[in-house]
């Protein structure tokens, strides 16, 4: 993927960066980073790193899948992103239960998850339907 620098060092958005699911995944990952990066070393090295990795990987898989040559690969990476979203929820629960995050912090992150989850599922269905239509058209 080529990134284009615009005036004033702004990066122009290309393909996957325009997707709402990608922007939401970035928002989720950045919120988690801000919370986890402030914790003590043990918490950061255990639950914190897992939580950040899972959240960061959601957007990374959306981006990587968009660069693949086939819609089958793209759908696979979107499904991986969905799984990583659920993994993020797991680590979020662990962080809350271990008192690494407050109820308020957890609720703020869950708001983004609540928006991203159905949006990601709808996008995956849309990509799947589009691929199915293309397959049916090529068979005719």
C-alpha atoms as a PDB file:
ATOM      1  CA  UNK A   1       0.000   0.000   0.000  1.00  0.00           C
ATOM      2  CA  UNK A   2       1.387   3.381  -0.947  1.00  0.00           C
ATOM      3  CA  UNK A   3       0.897   6.299   1.399  1.00  0.00           C
ATOM      4  CA  UNK A   4       0.852   9.735  -0.100  1.00  0.00           C
ATOM      5  CA  UNK A   5       2.115  12.692   1.903  1.00  0.00           C
ATOM      6  CA  UNK A   6       0.076  15.799   1.360  1.00  0.00           C
ATOM      7  CA  UNK A   7       1.031  19.361   2.247  1.00  0.00           C
ATOM      8  CA  UNK A   8       1.845  19.923   5.917  1.00  0.00           C
ATOM      9  CA  UNK A   9       2.924  16.265   6.305  1.00  0.00           C
ATOM     10  CA  UNK A  10      -0.637  14.929   6.414  1.00  0.00           C
ATOM     11  CA  UNK A  11      -1.058  11.412   5.095  1.00  0.00           C
ATOM     12  CA  UNK A  12      -3.762  10.928   2.480  1.00  0.00           C
ATOM     13  CA  UNK A  13      -6.087   8.035   3.182  1.00  0.00           C
ATOM     14  CA  UNK A  14      -5.992   5.246   0.648  1.00  0.00           C
ATOM     15  CA  UNK A  15      -8.453   2.332   0.328  1.00  0.00           C
ATOM     16  CA  UNK A  16      -8.715   0.573   3.707  1.00  0.00           C
ATOM     17  CA  UNK A  17      -8.055   3.797   5.594  1.00  0.00           C
ATOM     18  CA  UNK A  18     -11.398   5.139   4.376  1.00  0.00           C
ATOM     19  CA  UNK A  19     -13.286   2.199   5.867  1.00  0.00           C
ATOM     20  CA  UNK A  20     -15.326   2.971   8.968  1.00  0.00           C
ATOM     21  CA  UNK A  21     -14.313  -0.381  10.461  1.00  0.00           C
ATOM     22  CA  UNK A  22     -10.644   0.550  10.101  1.00  0.00           C
ATOM     23  CA  UNK A  23     -11.111   3.984  11.687  1.00  0.00           C
ATOM     24  CA  UNK A  24     -13.053   2.420  14.564  1.00  0.00           C
ATOM     25  CA  UNK A  25     -10.340  -0.201  15.062  1.00  0.00           C
ATOM     26  CA  UNK A  26      -7.750   2.594  15.271  1.00  0.00           C
ATOM     27  CA  UNK A  27      -9.877   4.438  17.807  1.00  0.00           C
ATOM     28  CA  UNK A  28     -10.197   1.283  19.903  1.00  0.00           C
ATOM     29  CA  UNK A  29      -6.462   0.518  19.757  1.00  0.00           C
ATOM     30  CA  UNK A  30      -5.503   4.101  20.641  1.00  0.00           C
ATOM     31  CA  UNK A  31      -7.889   4.248  23.607  1.00  0.00           C
ATOM     32  CA  UNK A  32      -6.493   0.992  24.938  1.00  0.00           C
ATOM     33  CA  UNK A  33      -2.904   2.148  24.427  1.00  0.00           C
ATOM     34  CA  UNK A  34      -3.560   5.348  26.363  1.00  0.00           C
ATOM     35  CA  UNK A  35      -4.925   3.378  29.305  1.00  0.00           C
ATOM     36  CA  UNK A  36      -2.449   0.506  29.334  1.00  0.00           C
ATOM     37  CA  UNK A  37       0.714   2.533  28.783  1.00  0.00           C
ATOM     38  CA  UNK A  38       0.214   4.214  32.151  1.00  0.00           C
ATOM     39  CA  UNK A  39       0.132   1.014  34.224  1.00  0.00           C
ATOM     40  CA  UNK A  40       2.849  -0.590  36.316  1.00  0.00           C
ATOM     41  CA  UNK A  41       5.374  -2.868  34.629  1.00  0.00           C
ATOM     42  CA  UNK A  42       3.852  -6.222  35.614  1.00  0.00           C
ATOM     43  CA  UNK A  43       0.322  -5.292  34.561  1.00  0.00           C
ATOM     44  CA  UNK A  44       1.629  -3.763  31.339  1.00  0.00           C
ATOM     45  CA  UNK A  45       3.768  -6.833  30.531  1.00  0.00           C
ATOM     46  CA  UNK A  46       1.002  -9.351  31.123  1.00  0.00           C
ATOM     47  CA  UNK A  47      -2.565  -8.304  30.442  1.00  0.00           C
ATOM     48  CA  UNK A  48      -1.636  -4.911  29.012  1.00  0.00           C
ATOM     49  CA  UNK A  49       0.525  -6.220  26.179  1.00  0.00           C
ATOM     50  CA  UNK A  50      -2.026  -8.866  25.236  1.00  0.00           C
ATOM     51  CA  UNK A  51      -4.806  -6.290  25.200  1.00  0.00           C
ATOM     52  CA  UNK A  52      -2.794  -3.861  23.062  1.00  0.00           C
ATOM     53  CA  UNK A  53      -1.645  -6.589  20.645  1.00  0.00           C
ATOM     54  CA  UNK A  54      -5.174  -7.883  20.115  1.00  0.00           C
ATOM     55  CA  UNK A  55      -6.615  -4.395  19.587  1.00  0.00           C
ATOM     56  CA  UNK A  56      -3.771  -3.311  17.281  1.00  0.00           C
ATOM     57  CA  UNK A  57      -4.146  -6.470  15.218  1.00  0.00           C
ATOM     58  CA  UNK A  58      -7.793  -5.771  14.364  1.00  0.00           C
ATOM     59  CA  UNK A  59      -6.873  -2.860  12.109  1.00  0.00           C
ATOM     60  CA  UNK A  60      -3.672  -4.530  10.928  1.00  0.00           C
ATOM     61  CA  UNK A  61      -5.661  -7.476   9.561  1.00  0.00           C
ATOM     62  CA  UNK A  62      -8.194  -5.191   7.888  1.00  0.00           C
ATOM     63  CA  UNK A  63      -5.307  -3.369   6.213  1.00  0.00           C
ATOM     64  CA  UNK A  64      -3.439  -6.538   5.243  1.00  0.00           C
ATOM     65  CA  UNK A  65      -6.547  -8.222   3.887  1.00  0.00           C
ATOM     66  CA  UNK A  66      -7.355  -5.236   1.703  1.00  0.00           C
ATOM     67  CA  UNK A  67      -3.975  -5.612   0.048  1.00  0.00           C
ATOM     68  CA  UNK A  68      -4.490  -9.254  -0.839  1.00  0.00           C
ATOM     69  CA  UNK A  69      -5.347 -10.236  -4.371  1.00  0.00           C
ATOM     70  CA  UNK A  70      -8.561 -12.128  -3.800  1.00  0.00           C
ATOM     71  CA  UNK A  71     -11.837 -11.490  -2.029  1.00  0.00           C
ATOM     72  CA  UNK A  72     -11.448 -14.912  -0.391  1.00  0.00           C
ATOM     73  CA  UNK A  73      -8.243 -13.742   1.303  1.00  0.00           C
ATOM     74  CA  UNK A  74      -9.864 -10.458   2.233  1.00  0.00           C
ATOM     75  CA  UNK A  75     -12.802 -12.235   3.886  1.00  0.00           C
ATOM     76  CA  UNK A  76     -10.401 -14.475   5.785  1.00  0.00           C
ATOM     77  CA  UNK A  77      -8.551 -11.456   7.187  1.00  0.00           C
ATOM     78  CA  UNK A  78     -11.840  -9.782   8.104  1.00  0.00           C
ATOM     79  CA  UNK A  79     -12.846 -12.935  10.021  1.00  0.00           C
ATOM     80  CA  UNK A  80      -9.480 -12.860  11.788  1.00  0.00           C
ATOM     81  CA  UNK A  81     -10.179  -9.218  12.702  1.00  0.00           C
ATOM     82  CA  UNK A  82     -13.531 -10.259  14.162  1.00  0.00           C
ATOM     83  CA  UNK A  83     -11.818 -12.943  16.233  1.00  0.00           C
ATOM     84  CA  UNK A  84      -9.283 -10.401  17.455  1.00  0.00           C
ATOM     85  CA  UNK A  85     -12.117  -8.098  18.468  1.00  0.00           C
ATOM     86  CA  UNK A  86     -13.474 -10.896  20.673  1.00  0.00           C
ATOM     87  CA  UNK A  87      -9.971 -11.525  22.026  1.00  0.00           C
ATOM     88  CA  UNK A  88      -9.769  -7.824  22.870  1.00  0.00           C
ATOM     89  CA  UNK A  89     -12.998  -8.183  24.841  1.00  0.00           C
ATOM     90  CA  UNK A  90     -11.501 -11.113  26.744  1.00  0.00           C
ATOM     91  CA  UNK A  91      -8.420  -9.110  27.744  1.00  0.00           C
ATOM     92  CA  UNK A  92     -10.590  -6.107  28.570  1.00  0.00           C
ATOM     93  CA  UNK A  93     -12.566  -8.288  30.987  1.00  0.00           C
ATOM     94  CA  UNK A  94      -9.353  -9.593  32.522  1.00  0.00           C
ATOM     95  CA  UNK A  95      -8.004  -6.050  32.941  1.00  0.00           C
ATOM     96  CA  UNK A  96     -11.215  -4.930  34.641  1.00  0.00           C
ATOM     97  CA  UNK A  97     -11.470  -7.983  36.906  1.00  0.00           C
ATOM     98  CA  UNK A  98      -7.829  -7.516  37.968  1.00  0.00           C
ATOM     99  CA  UNK A  99      -8.544  -3.863  38.713  1.00  0.00           C
ATOM    100  CA  UNK A 100      -6.181  -2.614  36.039  1.00  0.00           C
ATOM    101  CA  UNK A 101      -9.009  -0.607  34.439  1.00  0.00           C
ATOM    102  CA  UNK A 102     -11.874   1.181  36.141  1.00  0.00           C
ATOM    103  CA  UNK A 103     -15.516   0.579  35.313  1.00  0.00           C
ATOM    104  CA  UNK A 104     -15.622   3.968  33.570  1.00  0.00           C
ATOM    105  CA  UNK A 105     -12.581   3.145  31.426  1.00  0.00           C
ATOM    106  CA  UNK A 106     -13.980  -0.255  30.547  1.00  0.00           C
ATOM    107  CA  UNK A 107     -17.359   1.218  29.571  1.00  0.00           C
ATOM    108  CA  UNK A 108     -15.678   3.808  27.317  1.00  0.00           C
ATOM    109  CA  UNK A 109     -13.804   1.089  25.442  1.00  0.00           C
ATOM    110  CA  UNK A 110     -16.902  -1.106  25.242  1.00  0.00           C
ATOM    111  CA  UNK A 111     -18.748   1.741  23.493  1.00  0.00           C
ATOM    112  CA  UNK A 112     -16.255   1.568  20.625  1.00  0.00           C
ATOM    113  CA  UNK A 113     -16.455  -2.243  20.593  1.00  0.00           C
ATOM    114  CA  UNK A 114     -20.268  -2.023  20.515  1.00  0.00           C
ATOM    115  CA  UNK A 115     -20.019   0.170  17.420  1.00  0.00           C
ATOM    116  CA  UNK A 116     -17.227  -1.761  15.713  1.00  0.00           C
ATOM    117  CA  UNK A 117     -18.611  -5.282  16.146  1.00  0.00           C
ATOM    118  CA  UNK A 118     -21.861  -4.961  14.152  1.00  0.00           C
ATOM    119  CA  UNK A 119     -20.166  -2.701  11.611  1.00  0.00           C
ATOM    120  CA  UNK A 120     -17.413  -5.240  11.013  1.00  0.00           C
ATOM    121  CA  UNK A 121     -19.966  -8.072  10.723  1.00  0.00           C
ATOM    122  CA  UNK A 122     -22.056  -6.077   8.249  1.00  0.00           C
ATOM    123  CA  UNK A 123     -18.984  -5.246   6.177  1.00  0.00           C
ATOM    124  CA  UNK A 124     -17.928  -8.905   6.122  1.00  0.00           C
ATOM    125  CA  UNK A 125     -21.421  -9.898   4.940  1.00  0.00           C
ATOM    126  CA  UNK A 126     -21.282  -7.207   2.264  1.00  0.00           C
ATOM    127  CA  UNK A 127     -17.883  -8.380   0.980  1.00  0.00           C
ATOM    128  CA  UNK A 128     -19.105 -11.990   1.014  1.00  0.00           C
ATOM    129  CA  UNK A 129     -22.270 -11.119  -0.944  1.00  0.00           C
ATOM    130  CA  UNK A 130     -20.250  -9.137  -3.459  1.00  0.00           C
ATOM    131  CA  UNK A 131     -17.868 -12.069  -3.977  1.00  0.00           C
ATOM    132  CA  UNK A 132     -20.819 -14.438  -4.347  1.00  0.00           C
ATOM    133  CA  UNK A 133     -22.421 -12.230  -7.006  1.00  0.00           C
ATOM    134  CA  UNK A 134     -19.145 -12.071  -8.945  1.00  0.00           C
ATOM    135  CA  UNK A 135     -18.842 -15.867  -8.830  1.00  0.00           C
ATOM    136  CA  UNK A 136     -22.434 -16.311 -10.041  1.00  0.00           C
ATOM    137  CA  UNK A 137     -21.925 -13.796 -12.863  1.00  0.00           C
ATOM    138  CA  UNK A 138     -18.762 -15.522 -14.061  1.00  0.00           C
ATOM    139  CA  UNK A 139     -20.578 -18.876 -14.213  1.00  0.00           C
ATOM    140  CA  UNK A 140     -23.239 -17.508 -16.576  1.00  0.00           C
END
